[in-house]
Amino acid sequence: GTGYRSGRRVQNELRYGDTIDFWRVILVKKFEQLRLLAEMKVPGQAVLEFELFPADGSKATLLVQRARFYPRGLFGLIYWKSLTYVHKFLFRGMLLKIAGQTRASIRKGPSPAEKTAGSCRL
């Protein structure tokens, strides 16, 4: 698919328009925010967002992950609702993998921060 192009313009830096697997970078604020748009065939538009916040005045960082889906029609609603639990499992695993890759300890979470978001303190 369109998202499986290999490589980025700068290997260790993300820029607007770069691809990661089947995701396209649509917003980058270094050390603050990353927003990705899915480039796969789904009945709607899927967006994955990560935000970093200082946590409670300590050296800890709060990582918030949001998965949003903007369905196209009734089939889009059925698609998203039917995969809710699968996505919760996948996104939780993604947060745990990020914590492991950064060698950070998880103080709390992942847990739902709001209806469509998950977060963990690193």
PDB file of N, CA and C in Angstrom:
ATOM      1  N   GLY A   1       0.810  -1.186   0.000  1.00  0.00           N
ATOM      2  CA  GLY A   1       0.000   0.000   0.000  1.00  0.00           C
ATOM      3  C   GLY A   1       0.853   1.249   0.000  1.00  0.00           C
ATOM      4  N   THR A   2       0.196   2.375  -0.012  1.00  0.00           N
ATOM      5  CA  THR A   2       0.907   3.653  -0.102  1.00  0.00           C
ATOM      6  C   THR A   2       1.793   3.901   1.101  1.00  0.00           C
ATOM      7  N   GLY A   3       1.463   3.330   2.246  1.00  0.00           N
ATOM      8  CA  GLY A   3       2.231   3.594   3.448  1.00  0.00           C
ATOM      9  C   GLY A   3       3.452   2.732   3.631  1.00  0.00           C
ATOM     10  N   TYR A   4       3.677   1.788   2.731  1.00  0.00           N
ATOM     11  CA  TYR A   4       4.808   0.887   2.908  1.00  0.00           C
ATOM     12  C   TYR A   4       6.034   1.313   2.127  1.00  0.00           C
ATOM     13  N   ARG A   5       6.154   2.587   1.843  1.00  0.00           N
ATOM     14  CA  ARG A   5       7.375   3.095   1.223  1.00  0.00           C
ATOM     15  C   ARG A   5       8.479   3.031   2.266  1.00  0.00           C
ATOM     16  N   SER A   6       9.659   2.642   1.845  1.00  0.00           N
ATOM     17  CA  SER A   6      10.734   2.501   2.828  1.00  0.00           C
ATOM     18  C   SER A   6      11.498   3.808   2.995  1.00  0.00           C
ATOM     19  N   GLY A   7      11.999   3.994   4.207  1.00  0.00           N
ATOM     20  CA  GLY A   7      12.867   5.125   4.486  1.00  0.00           C
ATOM     21  C   GLY A   7      12.151   6.438   4.718  1.00  0.00           C
ATOM     22  N   ARG A   8      12.914   7.335   5.300  1.00  0.00           N
ATOM     23  CA  ARG A   8      12.454   8.711   5.520  1.00  0.00           C
ATOM     24  C   ARG A   8      13.550   9.625   4.996  1.00  0.00           C
ATOM     25  N   ARG A   9      13.194  10.884   4.842  1.00  0.00           N
ATOM     26  CA  ARG A   9      14.184  11.837   4.330  1.00  0.00           C
ATOM     27  C   ARG A   9      15.380  11.944   5.272  1.00  0.00           C
ATOM     28  N   VAL A  10      15.110  11.995   6.571  1.00  0.00           N
ATOM     29  CA  VAL A  10      16.167  12.025   7.587  1.00  0.00           C
ATOM     30  C   VAL A  10      15.890  10.850   8.517  1.00  0.00           C
ATOM     31  N   GLN A  11      16.805   9.903   8.609  1.00  0.00           N
ATOM     32  CA  GLN A  11      16.556   8.644   9.306  1.00  0.00           C
ATOM     33  C   GLN A  11      16.147   8.807  10.773  1.00  0.00           C
ATOM     34  N   ASN A  12      16.790   9.685  11.519  1.00  0.00           N
ATOM     35  CA  ASN A  12      16.525   9.818  12.954  1.00  0.00           C
ATOM     36  C   ASN A  12      15.643  10.994  13.319  1.00  0.00           C
ATOM     37  N   GLU A  13      14.915  11.524  12.345  1.00  0.00           N
ATOM     38  CA  GLU A  13      14.058  12.672  12.609  1.00  0.00           C
ATOM     39  C   GLU A  13      12.788  12.549  11.766  1.00  0.00           C
ATOM     40  N   LEU A  14      11.653  12.806  12.395  1.00  0.00           N
ATOM     41  CA  LEU A  14      10.388  12.777  11.666  1.00  0.00           C
ATOM     42  C   LEU A  14      10.039  14.171  11.175  1.00  0.00           C
ATOM     43  N   ARG A  15       9.524  14.217   9.966  1.00  0.00           N
ATOM     44  CA  ARG A  15       9.085  15.471   9.378  1.00  0.00           C
ATOM     45  C   ARG A  15       7.686  15.288   8.801  1.00  0.00           C
ATOM     46  N   TYR A  16       6.992  16.397   8.625  1.00  0.00           N
ATOM     47  CA  TYR A  16       5.680  16.376   8.003  1.00  0.00           C
ATOM     48  C   TYR A  16       5.771  15.640   6.663  1.00  0.00           C
ATOM     49  N   GLY A  17       4.862  14.700   6.438  1.00  0.00           N
ATOM     50  CA  GLY A  17       4.818  13.959   5.174  1.00  0.00           C
ATOM     51  C   GLY A  17       5.565  12.649   5.194  1.00  0.00           C
ATOM     52  N   ASP A  18       6.430  12.416   6.187  1.00  0.00           N
ATOM     53  CA  ASP A  18       7.150  11.143   6.287  1.00  0.00           C
ATOM     54  C   ASP A  18       6.165  10.010   6.547  1.00  0.00           C
ATOM     55  N   THR A  19       6.590   8.790   6.262  1.00  0.00           N
ATOM     56  CA  THR A  19       5.755   7.630   6.527  1.00  0.00           C
ATOM     57  C   THR A  19       6.408   6.719   7.556  1.00  0.00           C
ATOM     58  N   ILE A  20       5.556   6.094   8.355  1.00  0.00           N
ATOM     59  CA  ILE A  20       5.953   5.062   9.304  1.00  0.00           C
ATOM     60  C   ILE A  20       4.960   3.927   9.078  1.00  0.00           C
ATOM     61  N   ASP A  21       5.422   2.830   8.502  1.00  0.00           N
ATOM     62  CA  ASP A  21       4.539   1.739   8.104  1.00  0.00           C
ATOM     63  C   ASP A  21       3.418   2.302   7.232  1.00  0.00           C
ATOM     64  N   PHE A  22       2.167   2.186   7.674  1.00  0.00           N
ATOM     65  CA  PHE A  22       1.054   2.702   6.876  1.00  0.00           C
ATOM     66  C   PHE A  22       0.523   4.023   7.420  1.00  0.00           C
ATOM     67  N   TRP A  23       1.332   4.698   8.232  1.00  0.00           N
ATOM     68  CA  TRP A  23       0.952   5.996   8.806  1.00  0.00           C
ATOM     69  C   TRP A  23       1.716   7.112   8.106  1.00  0.00           C
ATOM     70  N   ARG A  24       1.060   8.247   7.886  1.00  0.00           N
ATOM     71  CA  ARG A  24       1.711   9.442   7.357  1.00  0.00           C
ATOM     72  C   ARG A  24       1.757  10.490   8.462  1.00  0.00           C
ATOM     73  N   VAL A  25       2.923  11.108   8.649  1.00  0.00           N
ATOM     74  CA  VAL A  25       3.092  12.157   9.652  1.00  0.00           C
ATOM     75  C   VAL A  25       2.372  13.412   9.169  1.00  0.00           C
ATOM     76  N   ILE A  26       1.412  13.880   9.992  1.00  0.00           N
ATOM     77  CA  ILE A  26       0.689  15.103   9.609  1.00  0.00           C
ATOM     78  C   ILE A  26       0.942  16.250  10.583  1.00  0.00           C
ATOM     79  N   LEU A  27       1.625  15.967  11.707  1.00  0.00           N
ATOM     80  CA  LEU A  27       2.002  17.025  12.642  1.00  0.00           C
ATOM     81  C   LEU A  27       3.159  16.538  13.500  1.00  0.00           C
ATOM     82  N   VAL A  28       4.192  17.366  13.619  1.00  0.00           N
ATOM     83  CA  VAL A  28       5.325  17.070  14.494  1.00  0.00           C
ATOM     84  C   VAL A  28       5.677  18.323  15.262  1.00  0.00           C
ATOM     85  N   LYS A  29       5.666  18.214  16.582  1.00  0.00           N
ATOM     86  CA  LYS A  29       6.208  19.243  17.462  1.00  0.00           C
ATOM     87  C   LYS A  29       7.205  18.504  18.331  1.00  0.00           C
ATOM     88  N   LYS A  30       8.478  18.705  18.059  1.00  0.00           N
ATOM     89  CA  LYS A  30       9.543  17.934  18.698  1.00  0.00           C
ATOM     90  C   LYS A  30       9.415  17.950  20.225  1.00  0.00           C
ATOM     91  N   PHE A  31       9.451  16.764  20.807  1.00  0.00           N
ATOM     92  CA  PHE A  31       9.341  16.548  22.254  1.00  0.00           C
ATOM     93  C   PHE A  31       7.994  16.981  22.823  1.00  0.00           C
ATOM     94  N   GLU A  32       6.987  17.184  21.966  1.00  0.00           N
ATOM     95  CA  GLU A  32       5.667  17.591  22.436  1.00  0.00           C
ATOM     96  C   GLU A  32       4.537  16.763  21.844  1.00  0.00           C
ATOM     97  N   GLN A  33       4.488  16.669  20.509  1.00  0.00           N
ATOM     98  CA  GLN A  33       3.318  16.083  19.873  1.00  0.00           C
ATOM     99  C   GLN A  33       3.676  15.439  18.532  1.00  0.00           C
ATOM    100  N   LEU A  34       3.005  14.312  18.257  1.00  0.00           N
ATOM    101  CA  LEU A  34       3.128  13.621  16.974  1.00  0.00           C
ATOM    102  C   LEU A  34       1.737  13.160  16.572  1.00  0.00           C
ATOM    103  N   ARG A  35       1.319  13.494  15.356  1.00  0.00           N
ATOM    104  CA  ARG A  35       0.011  13.081  14.857  1.00  0.00           C
ATOM    105  C   ARG A  35       0.211  12.349  13.532  1.00  0.00           C
ATOM    106  N   LEU A  36      -0.412  11.177  13.430  1.00  0.00           N
ATOM    107  CA  LEU A  36      -0.265  10.312  12.268  1.00  0.00           C
ATOM    108  C   LEU A  36      -1.630  10.030  11.646  1.00  0.00           C
ATOM    109  N   LEU A  37      -1.673   9.989  10.331  1.00  0.00           N
ATOM    110  CA  LEU A  37      -2.883   9.668   9.585  1.00  0.00           C
ATOM    111  C   LEU A  37      -2.693   8.309   8.929  1.00  0.00           C
ATOM    112  N   ALA A  38      -3.651   7.398   9.118  1.00  0.00           N
ATOM    113  CA  ALA A  38      -3.562   6.064   8.528  1.00  0.00           C
ATOM    114  C   ALA A  38      -3.803   6.136   7.032  1.00  0.00           C
ATOM    115  N   GLU A  39      -2.928   5.465   6.289  1.00  0.00           N
ATOM    116  CA  GLU A  39      -3.097   5.372   4.841  1.00  0.00           C
ATOM    117  C   GLU A  39      -3.410   3.921   4.490  1.00  0.00           C
ATOM    118  N   MET A  40      -4.548   3.466   4.976  1.00  0.00           N
ATOM    119  CA  MET A  40      -5.003   2.124   4.660  1.00  0.00           C
ATOM    120  C   MET A  40      -6.474   2.215   4.291  1.00  0.00           C
ATOM    121  N   LYS A  41      -6.950   1.183   3.642  1.00  0.00           N
ATOM    122  CA  LYS A  41      -8.344   1.208   3.191  1.00  0.00           C
ATOM    123  C   LYS A  41      -9.259   0.849   4.348  1.00  0.00           C
ATOM    124  N   VAL A  42      -9.892   1.854   4.907  1.00  0.00           N
ATOM    125  CA  VAL A  42     -10.868   1.684   5.981  1.00  0.00           C
ATOM    126  C   VAL A  42     -12.051   2.604   5.671  1.00  0.00           C
ATOM    127  N   PRO A  43     -13.222   2.269   6.208  1.00  0.00           N
ATOM    128  CA  PRO A  43     -14.396   3.098   5.940  1.00  0.00           C
ATOM    129  C   PRO A  43     -14.437   4.354   6.808  1.00  0.00           C
ATOM    130  N   GLY A  44     -13.449   5.204   6.619  1.00  0.00           N
ATOM    131  CA  GLY A  44     -13.337   6.429   7.382  1.00  0.00           C
ATOM    132  C   GLY A  44     -11.894   6.886   7.425  1.00  0.00           C
ATOM    133  N   GLN A  45     -11.603   7.744   8.369  1.00  0.00           N
ATOM    134  CA  GLN A  45     -10.257   8.285   8.516  1.00  0.00           C
ATOM    135  C   GLN A  45      -9.754   7.992   9.925  1.00  0.00           C
ATOM    136  N   ALA A  46      -8.562   7.389  10.034  1.00  0.00           N
ATOM    137  CA  ALA A  46      -7.980   7.028  11.324  1.00  0.00           C
ATOM    138  C   ALA A  46      -6.786   7.926  11.615  1.00  0.00           C
ATOM    139  N   VAL A  47      -6.758   8.467  12.844  1.00  0.00           N
ATOM    140  CA  VAL A  47      -5.679   9.350  13.282  1.00  0.00           C
ATOM    141  C   VAL A  47      -5.145   8.815  14.605  1.00  0.00           C
ATOM    142  N   LEU A  48      -3.825   8.767  14.725  1.00  0.00           N
ATOM    143  CA  LEU A  48      -3.161   8.353  15.965  1.00  0.00           C
ATOM    144  C   LEU A  48      -2.290   9.507  16.429  1.00  0.00           C
ATOM    145  N   GLU A  49      -2.448   9.884  17.703  1.00  0.00           N
ATOM    146  CA  GLU A  49      -1.748  11.064  18.219  1.00  0.00           C
ATOM    147  C   GLU A  49      -1.037  10.719  19.521  1.00  0.00           C
ATOM    148  N   PHE A  50       0.158  11.250  19.680  1.00  0.00           N
ATOM    149  CA  PHE A  50       0.931  11.123  20.908  1.00  0.00           C
ATOM    150  C   PHE A  50       1.268  12.525  21.405  1.00  0.00           C
ATOM    151  N   GLU A  51       1.112  12.745  22.719  1.00  0.00           N
ATOM    152  CA  GLU A  51       1.493  14.020  23.327  1.00  0.00           C
ATOM    153  C   GLU A  51       2.306  13.739  24.584  1.00  0.00           C
ATOM    154  N   LEU A  52       3.296  14.588  24.837  1.00  0.00           N
ATOM    155  CA  LEU A  52       4.134  14.490  26.032  1.00  0.00           C
ATOM    156  C   LEU A  52       3.893  15.713  26.910  1.00  0.00           C
ATOM    157  N   PHE A  53       3.755  15.458  28.217  1.00  0.00           N
ATOM    158  CA  PHE A  53       3.550  16.530  29.193  1.00  0.00           C
ATOM    159  C   PHE A  53       4.447  16.283  30.400  1.00  0.00           C
ATOM    160  N   PRO A  54       4.983  17.342  31.021  1.00  0.00           N
ATOM    161  CA  PRO A  54       5.675  17.159  32.301  1.00  0.00           C
ATOM    162  C   PRO A  54       4.652  16.664  33.326  1.00  0.00           C
ATOM    163  N   ALA A  55       5.058  15.739  34.171  1.00  0.00           N
ATOM    164  CA  ALA A  55       4.119  15.142  35.133  1.00  0.00           C
ATOM    165  C   ALA A  55       4.402  15.635  36.546  1.00  0.00           C
ATOM    166  N   ASP A  56       3.500  16.394  37.092  1.00  0.00           N
ATOM    167  CA  ASP A  56       3.507  16.777  38.504  1.00  0.00           C
ATOM    168  C   ASP A  56       4.805  17.408  38.978  1.00  0.00           C
ATOM    169  N   GLY A  57       5.466  18.196  38.176  1.00  0.00           N
ATOM    170  CA  GLY A  57       6.677  18.888  38.593  1.00  0.00           C
ATOM    171  C   GLY A  57       7.886  17.997  38.808  1.00  0.00           C
ATOM    172  N   SER A  58       7.761  16.697  38.540  1.00  0.00           N
ATOM    173  CA  SER A  58       8.900  15.792  38.709  1.00  0.00           C
ATOM    174  C   SER A  58       9.603  15.620  37.368  1.00  0.00           C
ATOM    175  N   LYS A  59      10.580  14.731  37.347  1.00  0.00           N
ATOM    176  CA  LYS A  59      11.280  14.449  36.092  1.00  0.00           C
ATOM    177  C   LYS A  59      10.485  13.498  35.207  1.00  0.00           C
ATOM    178  N   ALA A  60       9.367  13.012  35.710  1.00  0.00           N
ATOM    179  CA  ALA A  60       8.533  12.089  34.944  1.00  0.00           C
ATOM    180  C   ALA A  60       7.833  12.816  33.793  1.00  0.00           C
ATOM    181  N   THR A  61       7.476  12.054  32.797  1.00  0.00           N
ATOM    182  CA  THR A  61       6.761  12.575  31.641  1.00  0.00           C
ATOM    183  C   THR A  61       5.480  11.779  31.459  1.00  0.00           C
ATOM    184  N   LEU A  62       4.408  12.468  31.166  1.00  0.00           N
ATOM    185  CA  LEU A  62       3.142  11.821  30.872  1.00  0.00           C
ATOM    186  C   LEU A  62       3.017  11.700  29.362  1.00  0.00           C
ATOM    187  N   LEU A  63       2.841  10.484  28.882  1.00  0.00           N
ATOM    188  CA  LEU A  63       2.628  10.222  27.466  1.00  0.00           C
ATOM    189  C   LEU A  63       1.153   9.915  27.271  1.00  0.00           C
ATOM    190  N   VAL A  64       0.496  10.701  26.438  1.00  0.00           N
ATOM    191  CA  VAL A  64      -0.920  10.489  26.134  1.00  0.00           C
ATOM    192  C   VAL A  64      -1.021  10.039  24.681  1.00  0.00           C
ATOM    193  N   GLN A  65      -1.712   8.942  24.486  1.00  0.00           N
ATOM    194  CA  GLN A  65      -1.933   8.385  23.156  1.00  0.00           C
ATOM    195  C   GLN A  65      -3.436   8.452  22.859  1.00  0.00           C
ATOM    196  N   ARG A  66      -3.783   9.016  21.714  1.00  0.00           N
ATOM    197  CA  ARG A  66      -5.189   9.081  21.323  1.00  0.00           C
ATOM    198  C   ARG A  66      -5.350   8.426  19.955  1.00  0.00           C
ATOM    199  N   ALA A  67      -6.326   7.559  19.876  1.00  0.00           N
ATOM    200  CA  ALA A  67      -6.703   6.968  18.592  1.00  0.00           C
ATOM    201  C   ALA A  67      -8.083   7.501  18.255  1.00  0.00           C
ATOM    202  N   ARG A  68      -8.191   8.123  17.112  1.00  0.00           N
ATOM    203  CA  ARG A  68      -9.471   8.691  16.696  1.00  0.00           C
ATOM    204  C   ARG A  68      -9.859   8.107  15.340  1.00  0.00           C
ATOM    205  N   PHE A  69     -11.142   7.894  15.197  1.00  0.00           N
ATOM    206  CA  PHE A  69     -11.645   7.385  13.929  1.00  0.00           C
ATOM    207  C   PHE A  69     -12.858   8.213  13.537  1.00  0.00           C
ATOM    208  N   TYR A  70     -12.836   8.710  12.330  1.00  0.00           N
ATOM    209  CA  TYR A  70     -13.934   9.498  11.794  1.00  0.00           C
ATOM    210  C   TYR A  70     -14.622   8.632  10.749  1.00  0.00           C
ATOM    211  N   PRO A  71     -15.706   7.944  11.154  1.00  0.00           N
ATOM    212  CA  PRO A  71     -16.330   6.959  10.266  1.00  0.00           C
ATOM    213  C   PRO A  71     -17.009   7.588   9.059  1.00  0.00           C
ATOM    214  N   ARG A  72     -17.022   6.813   7.988  1.00  0.00           N
ATOM    215  CA  ARG A  72     -17.723   7.197   6.775  1.00  0.00           C
ATOM    216  C   ARG A  72     -18.945   6.284   6.664  1.00  0.00           C
ATOM    217  N   GLY A  73     -20.090   6.809   7.020  1.00  0.00           N
ATOM    218  CA  GLY A  73     -21.328   6.049   6.896  1.00  0.00           C
ATOM    219  C   GLY A  73     -21.538   5.010   7.980  1.00  0.00           C
ATOM    220  N   LEU A  74     -22.599   4.254   7.831  1.00  0.00           N
ATOM    221  CA  LEU A  74     -22.967   3.232   8.791  1.00  0.00           C
ATOM    222  C   LEU A  74     -21.907   2.139   8.887  1.00  0.00           C
ATOM    223  N   PHE A  75     -21.353   1.725   7.747  1.00  0.00           N
ATOM    224  CA  PHE A  75     -20.325   0.684   7.774  1.00  0.00           C
ATOM    225  C   PHE A  75     -19.095   1.150   8.552  1.00  0.00           C
ATOM    226  N   GLY A  76     -18.768   2.420   8.464  1.00  0.00           N
ATOM    227  CA  GLY A  76     -17.645   2.953   9.234  1.00  0.00           C
ATOM    228  C   GLY A  76     -17.881   2.847  10.730  1.00  0.00           C
ATOM    229  N   LEU A  77     -19.098   3.161  11.160  1.00  0.00           N
ATOM    230  CA  LEU A  77     -19.447   3.017  12.583  1.00  0.00           C
ATOM    231  C   LEU A  77     -19.363   1.560  13.035  1.00  0.00           C
ATOM    232  N   ILE A  78     -19.905   0.667  12.223  1.00  0.00           N
ATOM    233  CA  ILE A  78     -19.870  -0.764  12.551  1.00  0.00           C
ATOM    234  C   ILE A  78     -18.425  -1.249  12.614  1.00  0.00           C
ATOM    235  N   TYR A  79     -17.610  -0.833  11.652  1.00  0.00           N
ATOM    236  CA  TYR A  79     -16.189  -1.217  11.616  1.00  0.00           C
ATOM    237  C   TYR A  79     -15.489  -0.815  12.913  1.00  0.00           C
ATOM    238  N   TRP A  80     -15.625   0.458  13.313  1.00  0.00           N
ATOM    239  CA  TRP A  80     -14.920   0.956  14.495  1.00  0.00           C
ATOM    240  C   TRP A  80     -15.419   0.287  15.771  1.00  0.00           C
ATOM    241  N   LYS A  81     -16.729   0.188  15.931  1.00  0.00           N
ATOM    242  CA  LYS A  81     -17.296  -0.421  17.136  1.00  0.00           C
ATOM    243  C   LYS A  81     -16.914  -1.896  17.240  1.00  0.00           C
ATOM    244  N   SER A  82     -16.875  -2.595  16.124  1.00  0.00           N
ATOM    245  CA  SER A  82     -16.554  -4.029  16.162  1.00  0.00           C
ATOM    246  C   SER A  82     -15.090  -4.281  16.507  1.00  0.00           C
ATOM    247  N   LEU A  83     -14.232  -3.310  16.283  1.00  0.00           N
ATOM    248  CA  LEU A  83     -12.804  -3.483  16.568  1.00  0.00           C
ATOM    249  C   LEU A  83     -12.345  -2.756  17.834  1.00  0.00           C
ATOM    250  N   THR A  84     -13.274  -2.243  18.630  1.00  0.00           N
ATOM    251  CA  THR A  84     -12.931  -1.479  19.828  1.00  0.00           C
ATOM    252  C   THR A  84     -11.987  -2.245  20.740  1.00  0.00           C
ATOM    253  N   TYR A  85     -12.308  -3.470  21.084  1.00  0.00           N
ATOM    254  CA  TYR A  85     -11.484  -4.241  22.024  1.00  0.00           C
ATOM    255  C   TYR A  85     -10.143  -4.639  21.415  1.00  0.00           C
ATOM    256  N   VAL A  86     -10.125  -4.921  20.125  1.00  0.00           N
ATOM    257  CA  VAL A  86      -8.862  -5.225  19.442  1.00  0.00           C
ATOM    258  C   VAL A  86      -7.945  -4.010  19.491  1.00  0.00           C
ATOM    259  N   HIS A  87      -8.509  -2.840  19.207  1.00  0.00           N
ATOM    260  CA  HIS A  87      -7.697  -1.622  19.234  1.00  0.00           C
ATOM    261  C   HIS A  87      -7.189  -1.316  20.647  1.00  0.00           C
ATOM    262  N   LYS A  88      -8.023  -1.504  21.665  1.00  0.00           N
ATOM    263  CA  LYS A  88      -7.566  -1.281  23.041  1.00  0.00           C
ATOM    264  C   LYS A  88      -6.359  -2.150  23.350  1.00  0.00           C
ATOM    265  N   PHE A  89      -6.398  -3.408  22.941  1.00  0.00           N
ATOM    266  CA  PHE A  89      -5.289  -4.339  23.159  1.00  0.00           C
ATOM    267  C   PHE A  89      -4.045  -3.875  22.394  1.00  0.00           C
ATOM    268  N   LEU A  90      -4.218  -3.515  21.130  1.00  0.00           N
ATOM    269  CA  LEU A  90      -3.082  -3.086  20.308  1.00  0.00           C
ATOM    270  C   LEU A  90      -2.451  -1.794  20.816  1.00  0.00           C
ATOM    271  N   PHE A  91      -3.276  -0.810  21.149  1.00  0.00           N
ATOM    272  CA  PHE A  91      -2.732   0.468  21.590  1.00  0.00           C
ATOM    273  C   PHE A  91      -2.097   0.366  22.970  1.00  0.00           C
ATOM    274  N   ARG A  92      -2.641  -0.473  23.833  1.00  0.00           N
ATOM    275  CA  ARG A  92      -2.017  -0.712  25.139  1.00  0.00           C
ATOM    276  C   ARG A  92      -0.640  -1.330  24.944  1.00  0.00           C
ATOM    277  N   GLY A  93      -0.566  -2.310  24.057  1.00  0.00           N
ATOM    278  CA  GLY A  93       0.714  -2.937  23.741  1.00  0.00           C
ATOM    279  C   GLY A  93       1.714  -1.951  23.165  1.00  0.00           C
ATOM    280  N   MET A  94       1.219  -1.022  22.348  1.00  0.00           N
ATOM    281  CA  MET A  94       2.093  -0.004  21.771  1.00  0.00           C
ATOM    282  C   MET A  94       2.689   0.882  22.861  1.00  0.00           C
ATOM    283  N   LEU A  95       1.868   1.305  23.824  1.00  0.00           N
ATOM    284  CA  LEU A  95       2.378   2.117  24.928  1.00  0.00           C
ATOM    285  C   LEU A  95       3.415   1.357  25.748  1.00  0.00           C
ATOM    286  N   LEU A  96       3.148   0.090  26.014  1.00  0.00           N
ATOM    287  CA  LEU A  96       4.106  -0.721  26.781  1.00  0.00           C
ATOM    288  C   LEU A  96       5.416  -0.890  26.015  1.00  0.00           C
ATOM    289  N   LYS A  97       5.328  -1.068  24.724  1.00  0.00           N
ATOM    290  CA  LYS A  97       6.530  -1.210  23.893  1.00  0.00           C
ATOM    291  C   LYS A  97       7.342   0.090  23.889  1.00  0.00           C
ATOM    292  N   ILE A  98       6.659   1.228  23.808  1.00  0.00           N
ATOM    293  CA  ILE A  98       7.355   2.523  23.850  1.00  0.00           C
ATOM    294  C   ILE A  98       8.096   2.670  25.170  1.00  0.00           C
ATOM    295  N   ALA A  99       7.435   2.323  26.275  1.00  0.00           N
ATOM    296  CA  ALA A  99       8.089   2.402  27.588  1.00  0.00           C
ATOM    297  C   ALA A  99       9.312   1.490  27.628  1.00  0.00           C
ATOM    298  N   GLY A 100       9.189   0.297  27.088  1.00  0.00           N
ATOM    299  CA  GLY A 100      10.321  -0.631  27.072  1.00  0.00           C
ATOM    300  C   GLY A 100      11.471  -0.134  26.212  1.00  0.00           C
ATOM    301  N   GLN A 101      11.156   0.414  25.033  1.00  0.00           N
ATOM    302  CA  GLN A 101      12.186   0.909  24.124  1.00  0.00           C
ATOM    303  C   GLN A 101      12.923   2.115  24.692  1.00  0.00           C
ATOM    304  N   THR A 102      12.252   2.913  25.489  1.00  0.00           N
ATOM    305  CA  THR A 102      12.882   4.099  26.075  1.00  0.00           C
ATOM    306  C   THR A 102      13.517   3.787  27.426  1.00  0.00           C
ATOM    307  N   ARG A 103      13.393   2.524  27.852  1.00  0.00           N
ATOM    308  CA  ARG A 103      13.919   2.064  29.150  1.00  0.00           C
ATOM    309  C   ARG A 103      13.327   2.858  30.309  1.00  0.00           C
ATOM    310  N   ALA A 104      12.111   3.311  30.120  1.00  0.00           N
ATOM    311  CA  ALA A 104      11.426   4.059  31.166  1.00  0.00           C
ATOM    312  C   ALA A 104      10.595   3.097  32.004  1.00  0.00           C
ATOM    313  N   SER A 105      10.436   3.433  33.247  1.00  0.00           N
ATOM    314  CA  SER A 105       9.550   2.635  34.083  1.00  0.00           C
ATOM    315  C   SER A 105       8.162   3.249  34.012  1.00  0.00           C
ATOM    316  N   ILE A 106       7.172   2.391  34.066  1.00  0.00           N
ATOM    317  CA  ILE A 106       5.794   2.872  34.028  1.00  0.00           C
ATOM    318  C   ILE A 106       5.335   3.067  35.460  1.00  0.00           C
ATOM    319  N   ARG A 107       5.003   4.284  35.791  1.00  0.00           N
ATOM    320  CA  ARG A 107       4.534   4.584  37.142  1.00  0.00           C
ATOM    321  C   ARG A 107       3.050   4.321  37.284  1.00  0.00           C
ATOM    322  N   LYS A 108       2.328   4.543  36.200  1.00  0.00           N
ATOM    323  CA  LYS A 108       0.888   4.352  36.226  1.00  0.00           C
ATOM    324  C   LYS A 108       0.411   4.160  34.796  1.00  0.00           C
ATOM    325  N   GLY A 109      -0.538   3.267  34.596  1.00  0.00           N
ATOM    326  CA  GLY A 109      -1.137   3.101  33.275  1.00  0.00           C
ATOM    327  C   GLY A 109      -0.532   1.933  32.530  1.00  0.00           C
ATOM    328  N   PRO A 110      -0.837   1.751  31.296  1.00  0.00           N
ATOM    329  CA  PRO A 110      -1.765   2.537  30.508  1.00  0.00           C
ATOM    330  C   PRO A 110      -3.185   2.444  31.058  1.00  0.00           C
ATOM    331  N   SER A 111      -3.891   3.532  30.946  1.00  0.00           N
ATOM    332  CA  SER A 111      -5.274   3.581  31.395  1.00  0.00           C
ATOM    333  C   SER A 111      -6.030   4.568  30.524  1.00  0.00           C
ATOM    334  N   PRO A 112      -7.332   4.367  30.407  1.00  0.00           N
ATOM    335  CA  PRO A 112      -8.079   5.326  29.590  1.00  0.00           C
ATOM    336  C   PRO A 112      -8.116   6.694  30.257  1.00  0.00           C
ATOM    337  N   ALA A 113      -7.690   7.712  29.540  1.00  0.00           N
ATOM    338  CA  ALA A 113      -7.719   9.074  30.062  1.00  0.00           C
ATOM    339  C   ALA A 113      -9.041   9.750  29.718  1.00  0.00           C
ATOM    340  N   GLU A 114      -9.626   9.332  28.650  1.00  0.00           N
ATOM    341  CA  GLU A 114     -10.942   9.792  28.232  1.00  0.00           C
ATOM    342  C   GLU A 114     -11.499   8.711  27.331  1.00  0.00           C
ATOM    343  N   LYS A 115     -12.631   8.908  26.796  1.00  0.00           N
ATOM    344  CA  LYS A 115     -13.294   7.864  26.039  1.00  0.00           C
ATOM    345  C   LYS A 115     -12.454   7.315  24.892  1.00  0.00           C
ATOM    346  N   THR A 116     -11.661   8.158  24.210  1.00  0.00           N
ATOM    347  CA  THR A 116     -10.908   7.702  23.060  1.00  0.00           C
ATOM    348  C   THR A 116      -9.397   7.783  23.258  1.00  0.00           C
ATOM    349  N   ALA A 117      -8.925   7.886  24.497  1.00  0.00           N
ATOM    350  CA  ALA A 117      -7.488   8.065  24.701  1.00  0.00           C
ATOM    351  C   ALA A 117      -6.958   7.092  25.738  1.00  0.00           C
ATOM    352  N   GLY A 118      -5.696   6.766  25.627  1.00  0.00           N
ATOM    353  CA  GLY A 118      -4.994   5.988  26.624  1.00  0.00           C
ATOM    354  C   GLY A 118      -3.742   6.745  27.006  1.00  0.00           C
ATOM    355  N   SER A 119      -3.273   6.557  28.210  1.00  0.00           N
ATOM    356  CA  SER A 119      -2.075   7.282  28.619  1.00  0.00           C
ATOM    357  C   SER A 119      -1.274   6.442  29.589  1.00  0.00           C
ATOM    358  N   CYS A 120      -0.025   6.783  29.713  1.00  0.00           N
ATOM    359  CA  CYS A 120       0.806   6.176  30.742  1.00  0.00           C
ATOM    360  C   CYS A 120       1.851   7.194  31.174  1.00  0.00           C
ATOM    361  N   ARG A 121       2.247   7.106  32.433  1.00  0.00           N
ATOM    362  CA  ARG A 121       3.303   7.965  32.939  1.00  0.00           C
ATOM    363  C   ARG A 121       4.614   7.235  32.805  1.00  0.00           C
ATOM    364  N   LEU A 122       5.587   7.898  32.192  1.00  0.00           N
ATOM    365  CA  LEU A 122       6.911   7.292  32.008  1.00  0.00           C
ATOM    366  C   LEU A 122       7.908   8.023  32.876  1.00  0.00           C
TER     367      LEU A 122
END
